[in-house]
Amino acid sequence: MNLLACIGLVWIIKDSYILDKPRKYLKSKAKWLDKLLSCSMCLGFWAGVLLSIFQFFILKDSDNIYYYPFAVSAFCFLVDVFMDLMQEVWVKLKTERKINE
């Protein structure tokens, strides 16, 4: 469940319409912020760090907090690659449908 929460957080920060203006503003301020806010693996790592901090200090649970940043980073990257692939397939199918009409 924690992984899903982190992928949701990363998706909102990286791709959502709601944060589009703040994201564009931050990207224009520094090159490292542009790279960070464009990288699902990077954002996933930091979302995992936030999850670990939350779990350790708020929930007082130290189980598995050391691997969360790495697991969330990998999971966010894989979901992002899968979503990109699905989008490419959708666009290709849509284009073929228009050609055949």
PDB file of N, CA and C in Angstrom:
ATOM      1  N   MET A   1       0.830  -1.194   0.000  1.00  0.00           N
ATOM      2  CA  MET A   1       0.000   0.000   0.000  1.00  0.00           C
ATOM      3  C   MET A   1       0.873   1.256   0.000  1.00  0.00           C
ATOM      4  N   ASN A   2       2.001   1.195   0.707  1.00  0.00           N
ATOM      5  CA  ASN A   2       2.901   2.344   0.747  1.00  0.00           C
ATOM      6  C   ASN A   2       3.455   2.675  -0.638  1.00  0.00           C
ATOM      7  N   LEU A   3       3.743   1.631  -1.419  1.00  0.00           N
ATOM      8  CA  LEU A   3       4.248   1.867  -2.767  1.00  0.00           C
ATOM      9  C   LEU A   3       3.213   2.590  -3.625  1.00  0.00           C
ATOM     10  N   LEU A   4       1.958   2.227  -3.482  1.00  0.00           N
ATOM     11  CA  LEU A   4       0.905   2.893  -4.250  1.00  0.00           C
ATOM     12  C   LEU A   4       0.748   4.354  -3.832  1.00  0.00           C
ATOM     13  N   ALA A   5       0.882   4.606  -2.547  1.00  0.00           N
ATOM     14  CA  ALA A   5       0.804   5.988  -2.076  1.00  0.00           C
ATOM     15  C   ALA A   5       1.943   6.817  -2.656  1.00  0.00           C
ATOM     16  N   CYS A   6       3.124   6.236  -2.701  1.00  0.00           N
ATOM     17  CA  CYS A   6       4.279   6.953  -3.242  1.00  0.00           C
ATOM     18  C   CYS A   6       4.159   7.167  -4.743  1.00  0.00           C
ATOM     19  N   ILE A   7       3.656   6.180  -5.476  1.00  0.00           N
ATOM     20  CA  ILE A   7       3.493   6.377  -6.918  1.00  0.00           C
ATOM     21  C   ILE A   7       2.463   7.464  -7.167  1.00  0.00           C
ATOM     22  N   GLY A   8       1.440   7.533  -6.333  1.00  0.00           N
ATOM     23  CA  GLY A   8       0.457   8.608  -6.449  1.00  0.00           C
ATOM     24  C   GLY A   8       1.082   9.975  -6.204  1.00  0.00           C
ATOM     25  N   LEU A   9       1.912  10.055  -5.186  1.00  0.00           N
ATOM     26  CA  LEU A   9       2.604  11.307  -4.884  1.00  0.00           C
ATOM     27  C   LEU A   9       3.511  11.721  -6.035  1.00  0.00           C
ATOM     28  N   VAL A  10       4.278  10.768  -6.554  1.00  0.00           N
ATOM     29  CA  VAL A  10       5.184  11.063  -7.662  1.00  0.00           C
ATOM     30  C   VAL A  10       4.397  11.493  -8.897  1.00  0.00           C
ATOM     31  N   TRP A  11       3.307  10.819  -9.175  1.00  0.00           N
ATOM     32  CA  TRP A  11       2.499  11.144 -10.346  1.00  0.00           C
ATOM     33  C   TRP A  11       1.923  12.557 -10.226  1.00  0.00           C
ATOM     34  N   ILE A  12       1.449  12.903  -9.046  1.00  0.00           N
ATOM     35  CA  ILE A  12       0.903  14.247  -8.835  1.00  0.00           C
ATOM     36  C   ILE A  12       1.988  15.303  -9.025  1.00  0.00           C
ATOM     37  N   ILE A  13       3.163  15.067  -8.476  1.00  0.00           N
ATOM     38  CA  ILE A  13       4.248  16.044  -8.596  1.00  0.00           C
ATOM     39  C   ILE A  13       4.750  16.138 -10.030  1.00  0.00           C
ATOM     40  N   LYS A  14       4.910  15.009 -10.697  1.00  0.00           N
ATOM     41  CA  LYS A  14       5.553  14.977 -12.015  1.00  0.00           C
ATOM     42  C   LYS A  14       4.612  15.279 -13.172  1.00  0.00           C
ATOM     43  N   ASP A  15       3.367  14.801 -13.125  1.00  0.00           N
ATOM     44  CA  ASP A  15       2.522  14.844 -14.312  1.00  0.00           C
ATOM     45  C   ASP A  15       1.166  15.519 -14.155  1.00  0.00           C
ATOM     46  N   SER A  16       0.761  15.865 -12.959  1.00  0.00           N
ATOM     47  CA  SER A  16      -0.610  16.338 -12.780  1.00  0.00           C
ATOM     48  C   SER A  16      -0.820  17.756 -13.304  1.00  0.00           C
ATOM     49  N   TYR A  17      -2.031  18.002 -13.714  1.00  0.00           N
ATOM     50  CA  TYR A  17      -2.419  19.327 -14.184  1.00  0.00           C
ATOM     51  C   TYR A  17      -2.473  20.314 -13.010  1.00  0.00           C
ATOM     52  N   ILE A  18      -2.845  19.831 -11.857  1.00  0.00           N
ATOM     53  CA  ILE A  18      -2.998  20.685 -10.674  1.00  0.00           C
ATOM     54  C   ILE A  18      -1.686  21.400 -10.329  1.00  0.00           C
ATOM     55  N   LEU A  19      -0.577  20.696 -10.421  1.00  0.00           N
ATOM     56  CA  LEU A  19       0.717  21.285 -10.064  1.00  0.00           C
ATOM     57  C   LEU A  19       1.519  21.741 -11.282  1.00  0.00           C
ATOM     58  N   ASP A  20       0.856  21.924 -12.402  1.00  0.00           N
ATOM     59  CA  ASP A  20       1.560  22.292 -13.629  1.00  0.00           C
ATOM     60  C   ASP A  20       2.267  23.647 -13.500  1.00  0.00           C
ATOM     61  N   LYS A  21       1.565  24.662 -13.024  1.00  0.00           N
ATOM     62  CA  LYS A  21       2.181  25.993 -12.909  1.00  0.00           C
ATOM     63  C   LYS A  21       3.320  26.033 -11.889  1.00  0.00           C
ATOM     64  N   PRO A  22       3.122  25.494 -10.671  1.00  0.00           N
ATOM     65  CA  PRO A  22       4.264  25.490  -9.735  1.00  0.00           C
ATOM     66  C   PRO A  22       5.449  24.681 -10.260  1.00  0.00           C
ATOM     67  N   ARG A  23       5.161  23.556 -10.943  1.00  0.00           N
ATOM     68  CA  ARG A  23       6.227  22.724 -11.489  1.00  0.00           C
ATOM     69  C   ARG A  23       7.012  23.477 -12.561  1.00  0.00           C
ATOM     70  N   LYS A  24       6.319  24.159 -13.457  1.00  0.00           N
ATOM     71  CA  LYS A  24       6.997  24.946 -14.496  1.00  0.00           C
ATOM     72  C   LYS A  24       7.823  26.074 -13.873  1.00  0.00           C
ATOM     73  N   TYR A  25       7.291  26.709 -12.847  1.00  0.00           N
ATOM     74  CA  TYR A  25       8.016  27.785 -12.176  1.00  0.00           C
ATOM     75  C   TYR A  25       9.311  27.245 -11.547  1.00  0.00           C
ATOM     76  N   LEU A  26       9.200  26.127 -10.813  1.00  0.00           N
ATOM     77  CA  LEU A  26      10.378  25.552 -10.168  1.00  0.00           C
ATOM     78  C   LEU A  26      11.403  25.067 -11.195  1.00  0.00           C
ATOM     79  N   LYS A  27      10.914  24.490 -12.297  1.00  0.00           N
ATOM     80  CA  LYS A  27      11.831  24.012 -13.339  1.00  0.00           C
ATOM     81  C   LYS A  27      12.606  25.161 -13.972  1.00  0.00           C
ATOM     82  N   SER A  28      11.989  26.328 -14.052  1.00  0.00           N
ATOM     83  CA  SER A  28      12.657  27.482 -14.658  1.00  0.00           C
ATOM     84  C   SER A  28      13.715  28.097 -13.741  1.00  0.00           C
ATOM     85  N   LYS A  29      13.668  27.787 -12.455  1.00  0.00           N
ATOM     86  CA  LYS A  29      14.578  28.398 -11.492  1.00  0.00           C
ATOM     87  C   LYS A  29      15.948  27.719 -11.415  1.00  0.00           C
ATOM     88  N   ALA A  30      15.991  26.413 -11.619  1.00  0.00           N
ATOM     89  CA  ALA A  30      17.273  25.714 -11.500  1.00  0.00           C
ATOM     90  C   ALA A  30      17.259  24.463 -12.376  1.00  0.00           C
ATOM     91  N   LYS A  31      18.398  24.196 -12.983  1.00  0.00           N
ATOM     92  CA  LYS A  31      18.504  23.043 -13.866  1.00  0.00           C
ATOM     93  C   LYS A  31      18.325  21.733 -13.096  1.00  0.00           C
ATOM     94  N   TRP A  32      18.847  21.668 -11.866  1.00  0.00           N
ATOM     95  CA  TRP A  32      18.715  20.436 -11.086  1.00  0.00           C
ATOM     96  C   TRP A  32      17.258  20.175 -10.720  1.00  0.00           C
ATOM     97  N   LEU A  33      16.474  21.248 -10.495  1.00  0.00           N
ATOM     98  CA  LEU A  33      15.048  21.067 -10.218  1.00  0.00           C
ATOM     99  C   LEU A  33      14.310  20.577 -11.458  1.00  0.00           C
ATOM    100  N   ASP A  34      14.723  21.074 -12.619  1.00  0.00           N
ATOM    101  CA  ASP A  34      14.132  20.612 -13.881  1.00  0.00           C
ATOM    102  C   ASP A  34      14.362  19.118 -14.046  1.00  0.00           C
ATOM    103  N   LYS A  35      15.583  18.687 -13.788  1.00  0.00           N
ATOM    104  CA  LYS A  35      15.897  17.258 -13.908  1.00  0.00           C
ATOM    105  C   LYS A  35      15.145  16.442 -12.859  1.00  0.00           C
ATOM    106  N   LEU A  36      15.112  16.925 -11.625  1.00  0.00           N
ATOM    107  CA  LEU A  36      14.444  16.202 -10.549  1.00  0.00           C
ATOM    108  C   LEU A  36      12.955  16.044 -10.826  1.00  0.00           C
ATOM    109  N   LEU A  37      12.308  17.118 -11.240  1.00  0.00           N
ATOM    110  CA  LEU A  37      10.862  17.089 -11.448  1.00  0.00           C
ATOM    111  C   LEU A  37      10.458  16.390 -12.744  1.00  0.00           C
ATOM    112  N   SER A  38      11.429  15.993 -13.552  1.00  0.00           N
ATOM    113  CA  SER A  38      11.147  15.264 -14.789  1.00  0.00           C
ATOM    114  C   SER A  38      11.481  13.779 -14.673  1.00  0.00           C
ATOM    115  N   CYS A  39      12.014  13.374 -13.558  1.00  0.00           N
ATOM    116  CA  CYS A  39      12.525  12.005 -13.404  1.00  0.00           C
ATOM    117  C   CYS A  39      11.691  11.243 -12.371  1.00  0.00           C
ATOM    118  N   SER A  40      10.967  10.242 -12.833  1.00  0.00           N
ATOM    119  CA  SER A  40      10.135   9.470 -11.905  1.00  0.00           C
ATOM    120  C   SER A  40      10.985   8.654 -10.931  1.00  0.00           C
ATOM    121  N   MET A  41      12.145   8.208 -11.375  1.00  0.00           N
ATOM    122  CA  MET A  41      13.020   7.434 -10.493  1.00  0.00           C
ATOM    123  C   MET A  41      13.558   8.336  -9.370  1.00  0.00           C
ATOM    124  N   CYS A  42      13.958   9.545  -9.723  1.00  0.00           N
ATOM    125  CA  CYS A  42      14.492  10.485  -8.727  1.00  0.00           C
ATOM    126  C   CYS A  42      13.412  10.894  -7.731  1.00  0.00           C
ATOM    127  N   LEU A  43      12.248  11.274  -8.252  1.00  0.00           N
ATOM    128  CA  LEU A  43      11.145  11.650  -7.371  1.00  0.00           C
ATOM    129  C   LEU A  43      10.710  10.473  -6.505  1.00  0.00           C
ATOM    130  N   GLY A  44      10.750   9.272  -7.084  1.00  0.00           N
ATOM    131  CA  GLY A  44      10.392   8.082  -6.325  1.00  0.00           C
ATOM    132  C   GLY A  44      11.324   7.859  -5.153  1.00  0.00           C
ATOM    133  N   PHE A  45      12.613   8.085  -5.376  1.00  0.00           N
ATOM    134  CA  PHE A  45      13.573   7.940  -4.282  1.00  0.00           C
ATOM    135  C   PHE A  45      13.226   8.891  -3.139  1.00  0.00           C
ATOM    136  N   TRP A  46      12.982  10.164  -3.469  1.00  0.00           N
ATOM    137  CA  TRP A  46      12.693  11.141  -2.420  1.00  0.00           C
ATOM    138  C   TRP A  46      11.333  10.914  -1.781  1.00  0.00           C
ATOM    139  N   ALA A  47      10.374  10.399  -2.548  1.00  0.00           N
ATOM    140  CA  ALA A  47       9.092  10.016  -1.950  1.00  0.00           C
ATOM    141  C   ALA A  47       9.307   8.870  -0.968  1.00  0.00           C
ATOM    142  N   GLY A  48      10.193   7.937  -1.305  1.00  0.00           N
ATOM    143  CA  GLY A  48      10.529   6.845  -0.394  1.00  0.00           C
ATOM    144  C   GLY A  48      11.223   7.335   0.864  1.00  0.00           C
ATOM    145  N   VAL A  49      12.077   8.338   0.721  1.00  0.00           N
ATOM    146  CA  VAL A  49      12.727   8.938   1.901  1.00  0.00           C
ATOM    147  C   VAL A  49      11.666   9.570   2.805  1.00  0.00           C
ATOM    148  N   LEU A  50      10.728  10.300   2.215  1.00  0.00           N
ATOM    149  CA  LEU A  50       9.650  10.900   3.014  1.00  0.00           C
ATOM    150  C   LEU A  50       8.811   9.830   3.707  1.00  0.00           C
ATOM    151  N   LEU A  51       8.533   8.751   3.001  1.00  0.00           N
ATOM    152  CA  LEU A  51       7.787   7.646   3.597  1.00  0.00           C
ATOM    153  C   LEU A  51       8.557   7.047   4.771  1.00  0.00           C
ATOM    154  N   SER A  52       9.849   6.863   4.610  1.00  0.00           N
ATOM    155  CA  SER A  52      10.676   6.310   5.691  1.00  0.00           C
ATOM    156  C   SER A  52      10.683   7.228   6.906  1.00  0.00           C
ATOM    157  N   ILE A  53      10.815   8.523   6.673  1.00  0.00           N
ATOM    158  CA  ILE A  53      10.805   9.493   7.779  1.00  0.00           C
ATOM    159  C   ILE A  53       9.463   9.465   8.496  1.00  0.00           C
ATOM    160  N   PHE A  54       8.382   9.459   7.711  1.00  0.00           N
ATOM    161  CA  PHE A  54       7.038   9.407   8.287  1.00  0.00           C
ATOM    162  C   PHE A  54       6.857   8.146   9.122  1.00  0.00           C
ATOM    163  N   GLN A  55       7.268   7.022   8.571  1.00  0.00           N
ATOM    164  CA  GLN A  55       7.081   5.758   9.270  1.00  0.00           C
ATOM    165  C   GLN A  55       7.924   5.687  10.537  1.00  0.00           C
ATOM    166  N   PHE A  56       9.129   6.223  10.492  1.00  0.00           N
ATOM    167  CA  PHE A  56      10.016   6.132  11.651  1.00  0.00           C
ATOM    168  C   PHE A  56       9.605   7.094  12.769  1.00  0.00           C
ATOM    169  N   PHE A  57       9.349   8.349  12.415  1.00  0.00           N
ATOM    170  CA  PHE A  57       9.095   9.359  13.449  1.00  0.00           C
ATOM    171  C   PHE A  57       7.629   9.459  13.855  1.00  0.00           C
ATOM    172  N   ILE A  58       6.712   9.283  12.938  1.00  0.00           N
ATOM    173  CA  ILE A  58       5.290   9.435  13.260  1.00  0.00           C
ATOM    174  C   ILE A  58       4.684   8.112  13.714  1.00  0.00           C
ATOM    175  N   LEU A  59       4.917   7.056  12.934  1.00  0.00           N
ATOM    176  CA  LEU A  59       4.331   5.756  13.266  1.00  0.00           C
ATOM    177  C   LEU A  59       5.176   4.945  14.237  1.00  0.00           C
ATOM    178  N   LYS A  60       6.400   5.417  14.520  1.00  0.00           N
ATOM    179  CA  LYS A  60       7.316   4.737  15.446  1.00  0.00           C
ATOM    180  C   LYS A  60       7.573   3.278  15.027  1.00  0.00           C
ATOM    181  N   ASP A  61       7.729   3.088  13.724  1.00  0.00           N
ATOM    182  CA  ASP A  61       7.964   1.753  13.173  1.00  0.00           C
ATOM    183  C   ASP A  61       9.235   1.799  12.341  1.00  0.00           C
ATOM    184  N   SER A  62      10.204   0.984  12.708  1.00  0.00           N
ATOM    185  CA  SER A  62      11.474   1.022  11.982  1.00  0.00           C
ATOM    186  C   SER A  62      11.648  -0.154  11.020  1.00  0.00           C
ATOM    187  N   ASP A  63      10.607  -0.959  10.847  1.00  0.00           N
ATOM    188  CA  ASP A  63      10.698  -2.095   9.930  1.00  0.00           C
ATOM    189  C   ASP A  63      10.735  -1.610   8.485  1.00  0.00           C
ATOM    190  N   ASN A  64      11.695  -2.091   7.744  1.00  0.00           N
ATOM    191  CA  ASN A  64      11.783  -1.885   6.295  1.00  0.00           C
ATOM    192  C   ASN A  64      12.013  -0.440   5.851  1.00  0.00           C
ATOM    193  N   ILE A  65      12.348   0.456   6.743  1.00  0.00           N
ATOM    194  CA  ILE A  65      12.490   1.857   6.322  1.00  0.00           C
ATOM    195  C   ILE A  65      13.741   2.080   5.477  1.00  0.00           C
ATOM    196  N   TYR A  66      14.693   1.175   5.561  1.00  0.00           N
ATOM    197  CA  TYR A  66      15.958   1.382   4.856  1.00  0.00           C
ATOM    198  C   TYR A  66      15.853   1.085   3.366  1.00  0.00           C
ATOM    199  N   TYR A  67      14.968   0.217   2.980  1.00  0.00           N
ATOM    200  CA  TYR A  67      14.866  -0.107   1.564  1.00  0.00           C
ATOM    201  C   TYR A  67      13.761   0.665   0.848  1.00  0.00           C
ATOM    202  N   TYR A  68      12.902   1.377   1.563  1.00  0.00           N
ATOM    203  CA  TYR A  68      11.804   2.106   0.923  1.00  0.00           C
ATOM    204  C   TYR A  68      12.261   3.055  -0.186  1.00  0.00           C
ATOM    205  N   PRO A  69      13.257   3.897   0.035  1.00  0.00           N
ATOM    206  CA  PRO A  69      13.649   4.808  -1.055  1.00  0.00           C
ATOM    207  C   PRO A  69      14.031   4.072  -2.336  1.00  0.00           C
ATOM    208  N   PHE A  70      14.720   2.963  -2.211  1.00  0.00           N
ATOM    209  CA  PHE A  70      15.166   2.211  -3.387  1.00  0.00           C
ATOM    210  C   PHE A  70      14.005   1.466  -4.046  1.00  0.00           C
ATOM    211  N   ALA A  71      13.154   0.867  -3.227  1.00  0.00           N
ATOM    212  CA  ALA A  71      12.010   0.127  -3.760  1.00  0.00           C
ATOM    213  C   ALA A  71      11.023   1.076  -4.437  1.00  0.00           C
ATOM    214  N   VAL A  72      10.755   2.204  -3.817  1.00  0.00           N
ATOM    215  CA  VAL A  72       9.822   3.170  -4.397  1.00  0.00           C
ATOM    216  C   VAL A  72      10.400   3.749  -5.683  1.00  0.00           C
ATOM    217  N   SER A  73      11.677   4.028  -5.689  1.00  0.00           N
ATOM    218  CA  SER A  73      12.335   4.544  -6.889  1.00  0.00           C
ATOM    219  C   SER A  73      12.188   3.578  -8.056  1.00  0.00           C
ATOM    220  N   ALA A  74      12.485   2.309  -7.821  1.00  0.00           N
ATOM    221  CA  ALA A  74      12.373   1.297  -8.877  1.00  0.00           C
ATOM    222  C   ALA A  74      10.929   1.115  -9.307  1.00  0.00           C
ATOM    223  N   PHE A  75      10.012   1.077  -8.364  1.00  0.00           N
ATOM    224  CA  PHE A  75       8.600   0.894  -8.681  1.00  0.00           C
ATOM    225  C   PHE A  75       8.066   2.069  -9.503  1.00  0.00           C
ATOM    226  N   CYS A  76       8.423   3.285  -9.116  1.00  0.00           N
ATOM    227  CA  CYS A  76       7.982   4.465  -9.870  1.00  0.00           C
ATOM    228  C   CYS A  76       8.536   4.447 -11.294  1.00  0.00           C
ATOM    229  N   PHE A  77       9.783   4.051 -11.435  1.00  0.00           N
ATOM    230  CA  PHE A  77      10.377   3.966 -12.768  1.00  0.00           C
ATOM    231  C   PHE A  77       9.647   2.933 -13.623  1.00  0.00           C
ATOM    232  N   LEU A  78       9.394   1.755 -13.064  1.00  0.00           N
ATOM    233  CA  LEU A  78       8.704   0.713 -13.823  1.00  0.00           C
ATOM    234  C   LEU A  78       7.284   1.122 -14.206  1.00  0.00           C
ATOM    235  N   VAL A  79       6.575   1.748 -13.301  1.00  0.00           N
ATOM    236  CA  VAL A  79       5.216   2.202 -13.615  1.00  0.00           C
ATOM    237  C   VAL A  79       5.262   3.289 -14.678  1.00  0.00           C
ATOM    238  N   ASP A  80       6.230   4.181 -14.603  1.00  0.00           N
ATOM    239  CA  ASP A  80       6.361   5.245 -15.602  1.00  0.00           C
ATOM    240  C   ASP A  80       6.667   4.667 -16.986  1.00  0.00           C
ATOM    241  N   VAL A  81       7.563   3.687 -17.045  1.00  0.00           N
ATOM    242  CA  VAL A  81       7.883   3.040 -18.321  1.00  0.00           C
ATOM    243  C   VAL A  81       6.647   2.326 -18.866  1.00  0.00           C
ATOM    244  N   PHE A  82       5.920   1.633 -18.007  1.00  0.00           N
ATOM    245  CA  PHE A  82       4.711   0.936 -18.435  1.00  0.00           C
ATOM    246  C   PHE A  82       3.669   1.921 -18.964  1.00  0.00           C
ATOM    247  N   MET A  83       3.482   3.027 -18.264  1.00  0.00           N
ATOM    248  CA  MET A  83       2.500   4.033 -18.705  1.00  0.00           C
ATOM    249  C   MET A  83       2.920   4.659 -20.037  1.00  0.00           C
ATOM    250  N   ASP A  84       4.201   4.919 -20.223  1.00  0.00           N
ATOM    251  CA  ASP A  84       4.676   5.443 -21.507  1.00  0.00           C
ATOM    252  C   ASP A  84       4.415   4.454 -22.633  1.00  0.00           C
ATOM    253  N   LEU A  85       4.658   3.185 -22.360  1.00  0.00           N
ATOM    254  CA  LEU A  85       4.410   2.145 -23.358  1.00  0.00           C
ATOM    255  C   LEU A  85       2.926   2.067 -23.697  1.00  0.00           C
ATOM    256  N   MET A  86       2.087   2.102 -22.691  1.00  0.00           N
ATOM    257  CA  MET A  86       0.640   2.070 -22.928  1.00  0.00           C
ATOM    258  C   MET A  86       0.178   3.273 -23.736  1.00  0.00           C
ATOM    259  N   GLN A  87       0.759   4.429 -23.471  1.00  0.00           N
ATOM    260  CA  GLN A  87       0.396   5.628 -24.215  1.00  0.00           C
ATOM    261  C   GLN A  87       0.815   5.510 -25.679  1.00  0.00           C
ATOM    262  N   GLU A  88       1.999   4.953 -25.928  1.00  0.00           N
ATOM    263  CA  GLU A  88       2.450   4.751 -27.301  1.00  0.00           C
ATOM    264  C   GLU A  88       1.533   3.792 -28.053  1.00  0.00           C
ATOM    265  N   VAL A  89       1.136   2.715 -27.412  1.00  0.00           N
ATOM    266  CA  VAL A  89       0.231   1.751 -28.033  1.00  0.00           C
ATOM    267  C   VAL A  89      -1.109   2.417 -28.329  1.00  0.00           C
ATOM    268  N   TRP A  90      -1.610   3.206 -27.389  1.00  0.00           N
ATOM    269  CA  TRP A  90      -2.888   3.898 -27.575  1.00  0.00           C
ATOM    270  C   TRP A  90      -2.819   4.851 -28.766  1.00  0.00           C
ATOM    271  N   VAL A  91      -1.752   5.614 -28.860  1.00  0.00           N
ATOM    272  CA  VAL A  91      -1.607   6.564 -29.968  1.00  0.00           C
ATOM    273  C   VAL A  91      -1.506   5.815 -31.294  1.00  0.00           C
ATOM    274  N   LYS A  92      -0.757   4.717 -31.315  1.00  0.00           N
ATOM    275  CA  LYS A  92      -0.618   3.934 -32.543  1.00  0.00           C
ATOM    276  C   LYS A  92      -1.961   3.364 -32.971  1.00  0.00           C
ATOM    277  N   LEU A  93      -2.710   2.798 -32.045  1.00  0.00           N
ATOM    278  CA  LEU A  93      -4.022   2.248 -32.372  1.00  0.00           C
ATOM    279  C   LEU A  93      -4.983   3.333 -32.850  1.00  0.00           C
ATOM    280  N   LYS A  94      -4.934   4.459 -32.217  1.00  0.00           N
ATOM    281  CA  LYS A  94      -5.796   5.574 -32.600  1.00  0.00           C
ATOM    282  C   LYS A  94      -5.445   6.061 -34.007  1.00  0.00           C
ATOM    283  N   THR A  95      -4.160   6.135 -34.328  1.00  0.00           N
ATOM    284  CA  THR A  95      -3.707   6.568 -35.641  1.00  0.00           C
ATOM    285  C   THR A  95      -4.122   5.547 -36.707  1.00  0.00           C
ATOM    286  N   GLU A  96      -3.961   4.269 -36.421  1.00  0.00           N
ATOM    287  CA  GLU A  96      -4.351   3.232 -37.375  1.00  0.00           C
ATOM    288  C   GLU A  96      -5.848   3.239 -37.614  1.00  0.00           C
ATOM    289  N   ARG A  97      -6.613   3.494 -36.591  1.00  0.00           N
ATOM    290  CA  ARG A  97      -8.074   3.554 -36.722  1.00  0.00           C
ATOM    291  C   ARG A  97      -8.484   4.699 -37.657  1.00  0.00           C
ATOM    292  N   LYS A  98      -7.829   5.856 -37.513  1.00  0.00           N
ATOM    293  CA  LYS A  98      -8.133   6.994 -38.372  1.00  0.00           C
ATOM    294  C   LYS A  98      -7.756   6.708 -39.826  1.00  0.00           C
ATOM    295  N   ILE A  99      -6.632   6.015 -40.030  1.00  0.00           N
ATOM    296  CA  ILE A  99      -6.199   5.678 -41.403  1.00  0.00           C
ATOM    297  C   ILE A  99      -7.185   4.713 -42.060  1.00  0.00           C
ATOM    298  N   ASN A 100      -7.701   3.763 -41.300  1.00  0.00           N
ATOM    299  CA  ASN A 100      -8.601   2.753 -41.850  1.00  0.00           C
ATOM    300  C   ASN A 100     -10.021   3.268 -42.073  1.00  0.00           C
ATOM    301  N   GLU A 101     -10.357   4.411 -41.539  1.00  0.00           N
ATOM    302  CA  GLU A 101     -11.720   4.944 -41.710  1.00  0.00           C
ATOM    303  C   GLU A 101     -11.906   5.607 -43.042  1.00  0.00           C
TER     304      GLU A 101
END
